[in-house]
Amino acid sequence: MIRTIIAALFSLLSLLPALAASPVDTAARKAAGAPALKAVFTLNGAPGSLLMCGKMFAVDLPEMKIHFDGTTQWTHSVPDAEITIVTPTDAEIAQINPLAFLGSLRGEFNVSDLSGGNVRLLPKDTSSGIDEIVALFSNSTGWPVQIRMTSSGHTALIDQITVTTLDKPLPPSTFTVTPAKGVTVVDLR
């Protein structure tokens, strides 16, 4: 569920270029032209952040941190003090990488505009596990400020979203992890 929620956040940020004909055209241009993006948000009340630069990303949540440098993914379960390192398959990348998930969104979801430039995504395949995603956009910035995803009867709320475009790409080291002492490393590469 947490991977689906994170992917929904990523994908909606990445989806902006696909919505260029809709009222969020300004955000689409900003997202497409940004060397990197930073988003801070709350996920069901817990603070989180996201950095994206090309196909690389880093997510920071209280219980989970995920880094992907384009090849290797580090998933740190904070409560378990464990980092799992994998070289994800294309199918695994499609579940968590925002750009790969975007590709599946374009083909697997119907996107409809709601009032005020807000969007609703409904899966074409009802067995996808996602019932609905609704994104609310700021009229002044064009960036998403709230994303509500309903999945198998559960609702996740990504709220208080603030997106910032960064002037230059982030260094690749931003998207890698050096495990701290006391953290168990499970290397599945």
N, C-alpha and C. Protein backbone atom coordinates (compact mmCIF):
# COMPACT_ATOMS: atom_id res chain seq x y z
N MET A 1 0.83 -1.20 0.00
CA MET A 1 0.00 0.00 0.00
C MET A 1 0.86 1.25 0.00
N ILE A 2 1.92 1.28 0.84
CA ILE A 2 2.75 2.48 0.92
C ILE A 2 3.44 2.74 -0.41
N ARG A 3 3.87 1.67 -1.11
CA ARG A 3 4.50 1.86 -2.42
C ARG A 3 3.50 2.44 -3.41
N THR A 4 2.27 1.99 -3.35
CA THR A 4 1.25 2.51 -4.25
C THR A 4 0.99 3.97 -3.97
N ILE A 5 0.95 4.34 -2.70
CA ILE A 5 0.71 5.74 -2.33
C ILE A 5 1.86 6.61 -2.81
N ILE A 6 3.07 6.16 -2.57
CA ILE A 6 4.24 6.93 -3.01
C ILE A 6 4.23 7.05 -4.53
N ALA A 7 3.94 5.95 -5.19
CA ALA A 7 3.89 5.99 -6.65
C ALA A 7 2.81 6.94 -7.14
N ALA A 8 1.69 7.00 -6.43
CA ALA A 8 0.63 7.94 -6.82
C ALA A 8 1.12 9.38 -6.71
N LEU A 9 1.83 9.70 -5.65
CA LEU A 9 2.38 11.05 -5.50
C LEU A 9 3.35 11.35 -6.63
N PHE A 10 4.31 10.44 -6.84
CA PHE A 10 5.29 10.64 -7.90
C PHE A 10 4.62 10.80 -9.24
N SER A 11 3.70 9.90 -9.50
CA SER A 11 3.09 9.88 -10.82
C SER A 11 2.29 11.13 -11.08
N LEU A 12 1.61 11.65 -10.07
CA LEU A 12 0.85 12.87 -10.29
C LEU A 12 1.76 14.05 -10.54
N LEU A 13 2.91 14.09 -9.88
CA LEU A 13 3.87 15.14 -10.19
C LEU A 13 4.40 14.95 -11.61
N SER A 14 4.66 13.71 -11.98
CA SER A 14 5.17 13.42 -13.31
C SER A 14 4.09 13.50 -14.37
N LEU A 15 2.84 13.34 -13.97
CA LEU A 15 1.73 13.33 -14.91
C LEU A 15 1.44 14.71 -15.48
N LEU A 16 1.94 15.74 -14.86
CA LEU A 16 1.63 17.09 -15.30
C LEU A 16 1.90 17.31 -16.79
N PRO A 17 3.04 16.83 -17.34
CA PRO A 17 3.23 17.02 -18.77
C PRO A 17 2.14 16.35 -19.62
N ALA A 18 1.60 15.26 -19.15
CA ALA A 18 0.55 14.56 -19.90
C ALA A 18 -0.76 15.33 -19.87
N LEU A 19 -0.90 16.24 -18.94
CA LEU A 19 -2.13 17.01 -18.80
C LEU A 19 -2.00 18.39 -19.43
N ALA A 20 -1.05 18.54 -20.35
CA ALA A 20 -0.74 19.86 -20.89
C ALA A 20 -1.94 20.53 -21.54
N ALA A 21 -2.90 19.78 -22.02
CA ALA A 21 -4.08 20.39 -22.65
C ALA A 21 -5.11 20.80 -21.61
N SER A 22 -4.91 20.44 -20.36
CA SER A 22 -5.87 20.76 -19.32
C SER A 22 -5.50 22.07 -18.63
N PRO A 23 -6.30 22.50 -17.65
CA PRO A 23 -6.00 23.75 -16.95
C PRO A 23 -4.68 23.76 -16.18
N VAL A 24 -4.00 22.66 -16.05
CA VAL A 24 -2.73 22.67 -15.33
C VAL A 24 -1.54 22.78 -16.29
N ASP A 25 -1.77 23.42 -17.43
CA ASP A 25 -0.72 23.59 -18.44
C ASP A 25 0.51 24.28 -17.87
N THR A 26 0.32 25.27 -17.02
CA THR A 26 1.45 25.98 -16.43
C THR A 26 2.33 25.03 -15.63
N ALA A 27 1.72 24.20 -14.81
CA ALA A 27 2.49 23.23 -14.02
C ALA A 27 3.17 22.21 -14.93
N ALA A 28 2.51 21.84 -16.00
CA ALA A 28 3.10 20.88 -16.94
C ALA A 28 4.39 21.43 -17.51
N ARG A 29 4.37 22.68 -17.91
CA ARG A 29 5.58 23.31 -18.46
C ARG A 29 6.67 23.40 -17.40
N LYS A 30 6.30 23.76 -16.18
CA LYS A 30 7.30 23.87 -15.10
C LYS A 30 7.92 22.50 -14.80
N ALA A 31 7.10 21.48 -14.72
CA ALA A 31 7.60 20.14 -14.40
C ALA A 31 8.51 19.61 -15.51
N ALA A 32 8.09 19.80 -16.75
CA ALA A 32 8.86 19.29 -17.87
C ALA A 32 10.20 20.01 -18.00
N GLY A 33 10.23 21.28 -17.62
CA GLY A 33 11.45 22.06 -17.77
C GLY A 33 12.35 22.10 -16.55
N ALA A 34 11.94 21.49 -15.47
CA ALA A 34 12.72 21.57 -14.23
C ALA A 34 13.86 20.56 -14.22
N PRO A 35 15.06 21.01 -13.88
CA PRO A 35 16.16 20.05 -13.73
C PRO A 35 15.91 19.05 -12.60
N ALA A 36 15.18 19.50 -11.58
CA ALA A 36 14.85 18.63 -10.44
C ALA A 36 13.64 19.22 -9.73
N LEU A 37 12.94 18.36 -9.00
CA LEU A 37 11.78 18.79 -8.22
C LEU A 37 11.95 18.35 -6.77
N LYS A 38 11.42 19.18 -5.87
CA LYS A 38 11.36 18.83 -4.46
C LYS A 38 9.92 19.01 -4.02
N ALA A 39 9.39 18.03 -3.30
CA ALA A 39 8.04 18.13 -2.75
C ALA A 39 8.09 17.78 -1.27
N VAL A 40 7.42 18.58 -0.47
CA VAL A 40 7.20 18.23 0.94
C VAL A 40 5.70 18.06 1.10
N PHE A 41 5.30 17.17 2.00
CA PHE A 41 3.89 16.81 2.11
C PHE A 41 3.63 16.12 3.43
N THR A 42 2.37 15.85 3.70
CA THR A 42 2.01 14.92 4.77
C THR A 42 1.28 13.75 4.11
N LEU A 43 1.54 12.57 4.63
CA LEU A 43 0.88 11.36 4.16
C LEU A 43 0.11 10.80 5.33
N ASN A 44 -1.21 10.90 5.27
CA ASN A 44 -2.06 10.50 6.39
C ASN A 44 -1.59 11.13 7.70
N GLY A 45 -1.18 12.39 7.61
CA GLY A 45 -0.77 13.15 8.79
C GLY A 45 0.71 13.10 9.12
N ALA A 46 1.47 12.20 8.53
CA ALA A 46 2.90 12.08 8.80
C ALA A 46 3.70 12.88 7.77
N PRO A 47 4.77 13.56 8.20
CA PRO A 47 5.54 14.37 7.26
C PRO A 47 6.33 13.51 6.28
N GLY A 48 6.52 14.04 5.08
CA GLY A 48 7.31 13.34 4.08
C GLY A 48 7.91 14.31 3.09
N SER A 49 8.88 13.80 2.33
CA SER A 49 9.47 14.61 1.27
C SER A 49 9.87 13.72 0.11
N LEU A 50 10.01 14.34 -1.04
CA LEU A 50 10.36 13.66 -2.27
C LEU A 50 11.31 14.54 -3.04
N LEU A 51 12.38 13.96 -3.56
CA LEU A 51 13.27 14.62 -4.50
C LEU A 51 13.25 13.81 -5.77
N MET A 52 13.16 14.47 -6.91
CA MET A 52 13.20 13.79 -8.21
C MET A 52 14.16 14.53 -9.12
N CYS A 53 14.94 13.75 -9.84
CA CYS A 53 15.87 14.30 -10.82
C CYS A 53 16.00 13.26 -11.92
N GLY A 54 15.35 13.50 -13.05
CA GLY A 54 15.33 12.48 -14.10
C GLY A 54 14.64 11.24 -13.59
N LYS A 55 15.28 10.08 -13.79
CA LYS A 55 14.67 8.84 -13.31
C LYS A 55 15.08 8.50 -11.87
N MET A 56 15.87 9.36 -11.25
CA MET A 56 16.29 9.13 -9.87
C MET A 56 15.30 9.79 -8.91
N PHE A 57 15.16 9.19 -7.71
CA PHE A 57 14.28 9.80 -6.72
C PHE A 57 14.70 9.37 -5.32
N ALA A 58 14.27 10.16 -4.35
CA ALA A 58 14.47 9.84 -2.94
C ALA A 58 13.20 10.23 -2.19
N VAL A 59 12.70 9.32 -1.39
CA VAL A 59 11.50 9.55 -0.58
C VAL A 59 11.90 9.43 0.88
N ASP A 60 11.43 10.35 1.69
CA ASP A 60 11.71 10.31 3.12
C ASP A 60 10.39 10.37 3.87
N LEU A 61 10.05 9.27 4.53
CA LEU A 61 8.86 9.16 5.38
C LEU A 61 9.33 8.71 6.76
N PRO A 62 8.54 8.93 7.80
CA PRO A 62 8.99 8.53 9.13
C PRO A 62 9.37 7.05 9.25
N GLU A 63 8.63 6.17 8.60
CA GLU A 63 8.89 4.74 8.75
C GLU A 63 9.62 4.11 7.58
N MET A 64 9.78 4.85 6.48
CA MET A 64 10.42 4.28 5.31
C MET A 64 11.14 5.36 4.52
N LYS A 65 12.31 4.98 4.02
CA LYS A 65 13.06 5.86 3.15
C LYS A 65 13.45 5.04 1.93
N ILE A 66 13.22 5.60 0.75
CA ILE A 66 13.52 4.89 -0.49
C ILE A 66 14.39 5.79 -1.35
N HIS A 67 15.49 5.22 -1.84
CA HIS A 67 16.37 5.94 -2.76
C HIS A 67 16.54 5.08 -4.01
N PHE A 68 16.55 5.72 -5.16
CA PHE A 68 16.76 5.02 -6.42
C PHE A 68 17.66 5.88 -7.28
N ASP A 69 18.83 5.34 -7.66
CA ASP A 69 19.80 6.11 -8.44
C ASP A 69 19.72 5.84 -9.94
N GLY A 70 18.65 5.20 -10.35
CA GLY A 70 18.49 4.86 -11.76
C GLY A 70 18.84 3.42 -12.05
N THR A 71 19.57 2.78 -11.13
CA THR A 71 19.97 1.39 -11.28
C THR A 71 19.66 0.59 -10.02
N THR A 72 20.06 1.13 -8.88
CA THR A 72 19.95 0.43 -7.60
C THR A 72 18.92 1.13 -6.72
N GLN A 73 18.14 0.33 -6.00
CA GLN A 73 17.15 0.88 -5.07
C GLN A 73 17.50 0.43 -3.65
N TRP A 74 17.48 1.41 -2.74
CA TRP A 74 17.68 1.17 -1.31
C TRP A 74 16.35 1.45 -0.62
N THR A 75 15.83 0.49 0.11
CA THR A 75 14.61 0.69 0.88
C THR A 75 14.95 0.48 2.35
N HIS A 76 14.83 1.55 3.12
CA HIS A 76 15.19 1.53 4.54
C HIS A 76 13.92 1.48 5.36
N SER A 77 13.71 0.37 6.02
CA SER A 77 12.61 0.23 6.98
C SER A 77 13.14 0.74 8.32
N VAL A 78 12.72 1.92 8.71
CA VAL A 78 13.22 2.53 9.94
C VAL A 78 12.88 1.71 11.18
N PRO A 79 11.61 1.25 11.34
CA PRO A 79 11.29 0.46 12.55
C PRO A 79 12.11 -0.83 12.67
N ASP A 80 12.44 -1.43 11.52
CA ASP A 80 13.20 -2.68 11.53
C ASP A 80 14.71 -2.46 11.51
N ALA A 81 15.15 -1.21 11.34
CA ALA A 81 16.57 -0.88 11.21
C ALA A 81 17.22 -1.77 10.15
N GLU A 82 16.57 -1.82 8.99
CA GLU A 82 17.03 -2.70 7.91
C GLU A 82 16.96 -1.97 6.58
N ILE A 83 18.01 -2.12 5.79
CA ILE A 83 18.03 -1.58 4.43
C ILE A 83 18.12 -2.75 3.47
N THR A 84 17.19 -2.78 2.52
CA THR A 84 17.22 -3.79 1.48
C THR A 84 17.70 -3.12 0.21
N ILE A 85 18.70 -3.73 -0.43
CA ILE A 85 19.27 -3.19 -1.66
C ILE A 85 18.93 -4.14 -2.79
N VAL A 86 18.35 -3.61 -3.86
CA VAL A 86 17.98 -4.42 -5.01
C VAL A 86 18.32 -3.69 -6.30
N THR A 87 18.48 -4.45 -7.35
CA THR A 87 18.48 -3.92 -8.70
C THR A 87 17.12 -4.32 -9.25
N PRO A 88 16.17 -3.38 -9.22
CA PRO A 88 14.80 -3.76 -9.55
C PRO A 88 14.63 -4.15 -11.01
N THR A 89 13.71 -5.09 -11.23
CA THR A 89 13.32 -5.46 -12.58
C THR A 89 12.45 -4.34 -13.16
N ASP A 90 12.20 -4.40 -14.44
CA ASP A 90 11.32 -3.40 -15.06
C ASP A 90 9.95 -3.38 -14.39
N ALA A 91 9.44 -4.57 -14.05
CA ALA A 91 8.12 -4.64 -13.39
C ALA A 91 8.16 -3.97 -12.02
N GLU A 92 9.24 -4.18 -11.28
CA GLU A 92 9.37 -3.55 -9.97
C GLU A 92 9.54 -2.04 -10.09
N ILE A 93 10.30 -1.62 -11.09
CA ILE A 93 10.47 -0.18 -11.32
C ILE A 93 9.13 0.45 -11.64
N ALA A 94 8.31 -0.25 -12.40
CA ALA A 94 7.00 0.29 -12.78
C ALA A 94 6.10 0.50 -11.57
N GLN A 95 6.36 -0.20 -10.46
CA GLN A 95 5.55 -0.05 -9.25
C GLN A 95 5.97 1.14 -8.40
N ILE A 96 7.24 1.53 -8.46
CA ILE A 96 7.72 2.56 -7.54
C ILE A 96 8.35 3.76 -8.23
N ASN A 97 8.98 3.57 -9.38
CA ASN A 97 9.63 4.69 -10.05
C ASN A 97 8.58 5.60 -10.65
N PRO A 98 8.63 6.89 -10.33
CA PRO A 98 7.57 7.78 -10.79
C PRO A 98 7.44 7.85 -12.31
N LEU A 99 8.55 7.84 -13.02
CA LEU A 99 8.46 7.95 -14.47
C LEU A 99 7.91 6.68 -15.09
N ALA A 100 8.32 5.54 -14.57
CA ALA A 100 7.78 4.28 -15.08
C ALA A 100 6.31 4.15 -14.74
N PHE A 101 5.94 4.55 -13.52
CA PHE A 101 4.53 4.50 -13.11
C PHE A 101 3.70 5.43 -13.97
N LEU A 102 4.30 6.55 -14.36
CA LEU A 102 3.61 7.49 -15.24
C LEU A 102 3.22 6.81 -16.54
N GLY A 103 4.14 6.03 -17.10
CA GLY A 103 3.82 5.33 -18.33
C GLY A 103 2.61 4.43 -18.17
N SER A 104 2.52 3.77 -17.03
CA SER A 104 1.36 2.90 -16.81
C SER A 104 0.10 3.72 -16.57
N LEU A 105 0.25 4.89 -15.93
CA LEU A 105 -0.92 5.74 -15.71
C LEU A 105 -1.53 6.17 -17.03
N ARG A 106 -0.67 6.58 -17.94
CA ARG A 106 -1.17 7.08 -19.23
C ARG A 106 -2.00 6.02 -19.94
N GLY A 107 -1.56 4.78 -19.85
CA GLY A 107 -2.27 3.74 -20.55
C GLY A 107 -3.36 3.06 -19.75
N GLU A 108 -3.26 3.12 -18.43
CA GLU A 108 -4.15 2.33 -17.60
C GLU A 108 -5.18 3.12 -16.82
N PHE A 109 -5.13 4.44 -16.90
CA PHE A 109 -6.09 5.28 -16.19
C PHE A 109 -6.79 6.22 -17.14
N ASN A 110 -8.06 6.47 -16.87
CA ASN A 110 -8.79 7.53 -17.56
C ASN A 110 -8.65 8.78 -16.71
N VAL A 111 -8.21 9.86 -17.32
CA VAL A 111 -8.01 11.13 -16.61
C VAL A 111 -9.13 12.07 -17.02
N SER A 112 -9.81 12.63 -16.03
CA SER A 112 -10.86 13.60 -16.34
C SER A 112 -10.65 14.85 -15.50
N ASP A 113 -10.93 15.99 -16.11
CA ASP A 113 -10.83 17.26 -15.40
C ASP A 113 -12.06 17.46 -14.53
N LEU A 114 -11.83 17.95 -13.33
CA LEU A 114 -12.90 18.38 -12.45
C LEU A 114 -12.86 19.90 -12.42
N SER A 115 -13.69 20.53 -11.66
CA SER A 115 -13.70 21.99 -11.62
C SER A 115 -12.38 22.53 -11.07
N GLY A 116 -12.00 23.71 -11.53
CA GLY A 116 -10.83 24.40 -11.01
C GLY A 116 -9.50 23.77 -11.36
N GLY A 117 -9.42 22.98 -12.41
CA GLY A 117 -8.15 22.38 -12.81
C GLY A 117 -7.79 21.14 -12.02
N ASN A 118 -8.69 20.64 -11.23
CA ASN A 118 -8.44 19.41 -10.49
C ASN A 118 -8.67 18.21 -11.41
N VAL A 119 -8.05 17.09 -11.09
CA VAL A 119 -8.17 15.92 -11.95
C VAL A 119 -8.60 14.69 -11.16
N ARG A 120 -9.26 13.79 -11.87
CA ARG A 120 -9.69 12.52 -11.31
C ARG A 120 -9.16 11.42 -12.22
N LEU A 121 -8.54 10.41 -11.62
CA LEU A 121 -8.03 9.28 -12.37
C LEU A 121 -8.78 8.03 -11.95
N LEU A 122 -9.31 7.33 -12.92
CA LEU A 122 -10.02 6.07 -12.67
C LEU A 122 -9.32 4.98 -13.46
N PRO A 123 -9.03 3.84 -12.83
CA PRO A 123 -8.34 2.77 -13.55
C PRO A 123 -9.24 2.15 -14.61
N LYS A 124 -8.65 1.85 -15.75
CA LYS A 124 -9.39 1.13 -16.79
C LYS A 124 -9.60 -0.32 -16.36
N ASP A 125 -8.66 -0.87 -15.62
CA ASP A 125 -8.75 -2.23 -15.11
C ASP A 125 -9.18 -2.17 -13.65
N THR A 126 -10.38 -2.61 -13.36
CA THR A 126 -10.90 -2.52 -12.00
C THR A 126 -10.19 -3.46 -11.02
N SER A 127 -9.37 -4.36 -11.52
CA SER A 127 -8.63 -5.25 -10.62
C SER A 127 -7.26 -4.67 -10.27
N SER A 128 -7.01 -3.42 -10.61
CA SER A 128 -5.70 -2.80 -10.35
C SER A 128 -5.42 -2.58 -8.87
N GLY A 129 -6.47 -2.60 -8.05
CA GLY A 129 -6.29 -2.33 -6.63
C GLY A 129 -6.50 -0.87 -6.28
N ILE A 130 -6.49 0.00 -7.27
CA ILE A 130 -6.76 1.42 -7.05
C ILE A 130 -8.17 1.71 -7.53
N ASP A 131 -8.98 2.30 -6.66
CA ASP A 131 -10.35 2.64 -7.03
C ASP A 131 -10.42 4.00 -7.70
N GLU A 132 -9.67 4.97 -7.15
CA GLU A 132 -9.76 6.34 -7.65
C GLU A 132 -8.60 7.16 -7.09
N ILE A 133 -8.12 8.11 -7.90
CA ILE A 133 -7.16 9.11 -7.43
C ILE A 133 -7.73 10.46 -7.81
N VAL A 134 -7.80 11.37 -6.85
CA VAL A 134 -8.25 12.74 -7.12
C VAL A 134 -7.13 13.67 -6.68
N ALA A 135 -6.72 14.56 -7.57
CA ALA A 135 -5.67 15.53 -7.25
C ALA A 135 -6.26 16.93 -7.32
N LEU A 136 -6.02 17.71 -6.27
CA LEU A 136 -6.46 19.10 -6.21
C LEU A 136 -5.25 19.98 -6.46
N PHE A 137 -5.41 20.98 -7.32
CA PHE A 137 -4.30 21.84 -7.71
C PHE A 137 -4.50 23.25 -7.21
N SER A 138 -3.40 23.91 -6.89
CA SER A 138 -3.43 25.32 -6.49
C SER A 138 -3.72 26.17 -7.72
N ASN A 139 -4.67 27.09 -7.60
CA ASN A 139 -4.94 28.00 -8.72
C ASN A 139 -3.78 28.95 -8.96
N SER A 140 -3.04 29.30 -7.90
CA SER A 140 -1.96 30.27 -8.07
C SER A 140 -0.67 29.65 -8.58
N THR A 141 -0.35 28.42 -8.18
CA THR A 141 0.91 27.82 -8.61
C THR A 141 0.73 26.74 -9.68
N GLY A 142 -0.44 26.13 -9.73
CA GLY A 142 -0.66 25.04 -10.67
C GLY A 142 -0.14 23.69 -10.19
N TRP A 143 0.54 23.66 -9.05
CA TRP A 143 1.06 22.40 -8.52
C TRP A 143 -0.02 21.70 -7.70
N PRO A 144 0.06 20.37 -7.57
CA PRO A 144 -0.90 19.68 -6.72
C PRO A 144 -0.69 20.07 -5.26
N VAL A 145 -1.79 20.24 -4.53
CA VAL A 145 -1.72 20.56 -3.10
C VAL A 145 -2.32 19.44 -2.26
N GLN A 146 -3.08 18.56 -2.90
CA GLN A 146 -3.67 17.43 -2.19
C GLN A 146 -3.94 16.31 -3.18
N ILE A 147 -3.65 15.09 -2.75
CA ILE A 147 -3.94 13.90 -3.55
C ILE A 147 -4.64 12.91 -2.64
N ARG A 148 -5.80 12.47 -3.07
CA ARG A 148 -6.55 11.47 -2.30
C ARG A 148 -6.65 10.21 -3.16
N MET A 149 -6.17 9.10 -2.61
CA MET A 149 -6.23 7.85 -3.34
C MET A 149 -7.04 6.84 -2.54
N THR A 150 -8.00 6.23 -3.21
CA THR A 150 -8.79 5.17 -2.61
C THR A 150 -8.35 3.87 -3.25
N SER A 151 -7.99 2.91 -2.41
CA SER A 151 -7.48 1.64 -2.88
C SER A 151 -8.06 0.53 -2.01
N SER A 152 -8.80 -0.36 -2.62
CA SER A 152 -9.40 -1.50 -1.92
C SER A 152 -10.11 -1.07 -0.63
N GLY A 153 -10.86 0.02 -0.72
CA GLY A 153 -11.64 0.48 0.42
C GLY A 153 -10.88 1.34 1.42
N HIS A 154 -9.58 1.51 1.25
CA HIS A 154 -8.78 2.35 2.14
C HIS A 154 -8.48 3.66 1.42
N THR A 155 -8.46 4.74 2.19
CA THR A 155 -8.14 6.04 1.60
C THR A 155 -6.83 6.55 2.17
N ALA A 156 -5.96 6.99 1.27
CA ALA A 156 -4.71 7.63 1.68
C ALA A 156 -4.80 9.09 1.26
N LEU A 157 -4.38 9.96 2.14
CA LEU A 157 -4.43 11.38 1.86
C LEU A 157 -3.02 11.95 1.89
N ILE A 158 -2.59 12.45 0.76
CA ILE A 158 -1.33 13.18 0.67
C ILE A 158 -1.74 14.64 0.61
N ASP A 159 -1.35 15.38 1.63
CA ASP A 159 -1.89 16.72 1.86
C ASP A 159 -0.76 17.71 2.09
N GLN A 160 -1.11 18.97 2.10
CA GLN A 160 -0.16 20.05 2.37
C GLN A 160 1.07 19.93 1.48
N ILE A 161 0.84 19.63 0.21
CA ILE A 161 1.95 19.43 -0.72
C ILE A 161 2.48 20.79 -1.17
N THR A 162 3.79 20.93 -1.07
CA THR A 162 4.47 22.10 -1.60
C THR A 162 5.54 21.60 -2.55
N VAL A 163 5.44 22.01 -3.82
CA VAL A 163 6.39 21.58 -4.83
C VAL A 163 7.29 22.75 -5.19
N THR A 164 8.58 22.48 -5.27
CA THR A 164 9.56 23.48 -5.66
C THR A 164 10.37 22.94 -6.82
N THR A 165 10.53 23.74 -7.86
CA THR A 165 11.44 23.35 -8.93
C THR A 165 12.83 23.83 -8.53
N LEU A 166 13.82 23.00 -8.77
CA LEU A 166 15.19 23.34 -8.42
C LEU A 166 15.91 23.83 -9.67
N ASP A 167 16.85 24.75 -9.49
CA ASP A 167 17.53 25.39 -10.61
C ASP A 167 18.53 24.50 -11.33
N LYS A 168 19.02 23.48 -10.64
CA LYS A 168 20.01 22.61 -11.26
C LYS A 168 19.79 21.18 -10.81
N PRO A 169 20.29 20.22 -11.60
CA PRO A 169 20.14 18.82 -11.20
C PRO A 169 20.84 18.56 -9.87
N LEU A 170 20.32 17.62 -9.13
CA LEU A 170 20.93 17.23 -7.86
C LEU A 170 22.06 16.25 -8.11
N PRO A 171 23.08 16.24 -7.26
CA PRO A 171 24.18 15.29 -7.45
C PRO A 171 23.68 13.85 -7.30
N PRO A 172 24.24 12.92 -8.08
CA PRO A 172 23.81 11.53 -7.99
C PRO A 172 23.89 10.94 -6.58
N SER A 173 24.81 11.43 -5.76
CA SER A 173 24.94 10.91 -4.39
C SER A 173 23.69 11.16 -3.55
N THR A 174 22.85 12.11 -3.96
CA THR A 174 21.58 12.38 -3.28
C THR A 174 20.68 11.14 -3.29
N PHE A 175 20.87 10.29 -4.29
CA PHE A 175 19.96 9.18 -4.52
C PHE A 175 20.57 7.83 -4.18
N THR A 176 21.64 7.84 -3.38
CA THR A 176 22.26 6.61 -2.89
C THR A 176 22.26 6.63 -1.37
N VAL A 177 22.58 5.50 -0.77
CA VAL A 177 22.55 5.38 0.69
C VAL A 177 23.84 4.74 1.18
N THR A 178 24.40 5.31 2.22
CA THR A 178 25.48 4.68 2.97
C THR A 178 24.88 4.29 4.32
N PRO A 179 24.72 2.99 4.56
CA PRO A 179 24.05 2.54 5.79
C PRO A 179 24.77 3.02 7.06
N ALA A 180 24.00 3.44 8.03
CA ALA A 180 24.53 3.85 9.32
C ALA A 180 24.88 2.61 10.14
N LYS A 181 25.73 2.80 11.14
CA LYS A 181 26.07 1.69 12.04
C LYS A 181 24.80 1.18 12.73
N GLY A 182 24.74 -0.12 12.89
CA GLY A 182 23.61 -0.73 13.57
C GLY A 182 22.44 -1.07 12.67
N VAL A 183 22.52 -0.69 11.40
CA VAL A 183 21.46 -1.00 10.45
C VAL A 183 21.84 -2.28 9.71
N THR A 184 20.94 -3.23 9.67
CA THR A 184 21.16 -4.47 8.94
C THR A 184 20.98 -4.21 7.45
N VAL A 185 21.92 -4.72 6.65
CA VAL A 185 21.84 -4.55 5.20
C VAL A 185 21.55 -5.91 4.58
N VAL A 186 20.49 -5.94 3.77
CA VAL A 186 20.13 -7.14 3.02
C VAL A 186 20.35 -6.80 1.55
N ASP A 187 21.45 -7.31 0.99
CA ASP A 187 21.81 -6.99 -0.39
C ASP A 187 21.32 -8.10 -1.30
N LEU A 188 20.29 -7.80 -2.08
CA LEU A 188 19.68 -8.80 -2.96
C LEU A 188 20.06 -8.60 -4.42
N ARG A 189 21.10 -7.82 -4.66
CA ARG A 189 21.52 -7.59 -6.05
C ARG A 189 22.16 -8.82 -6.62
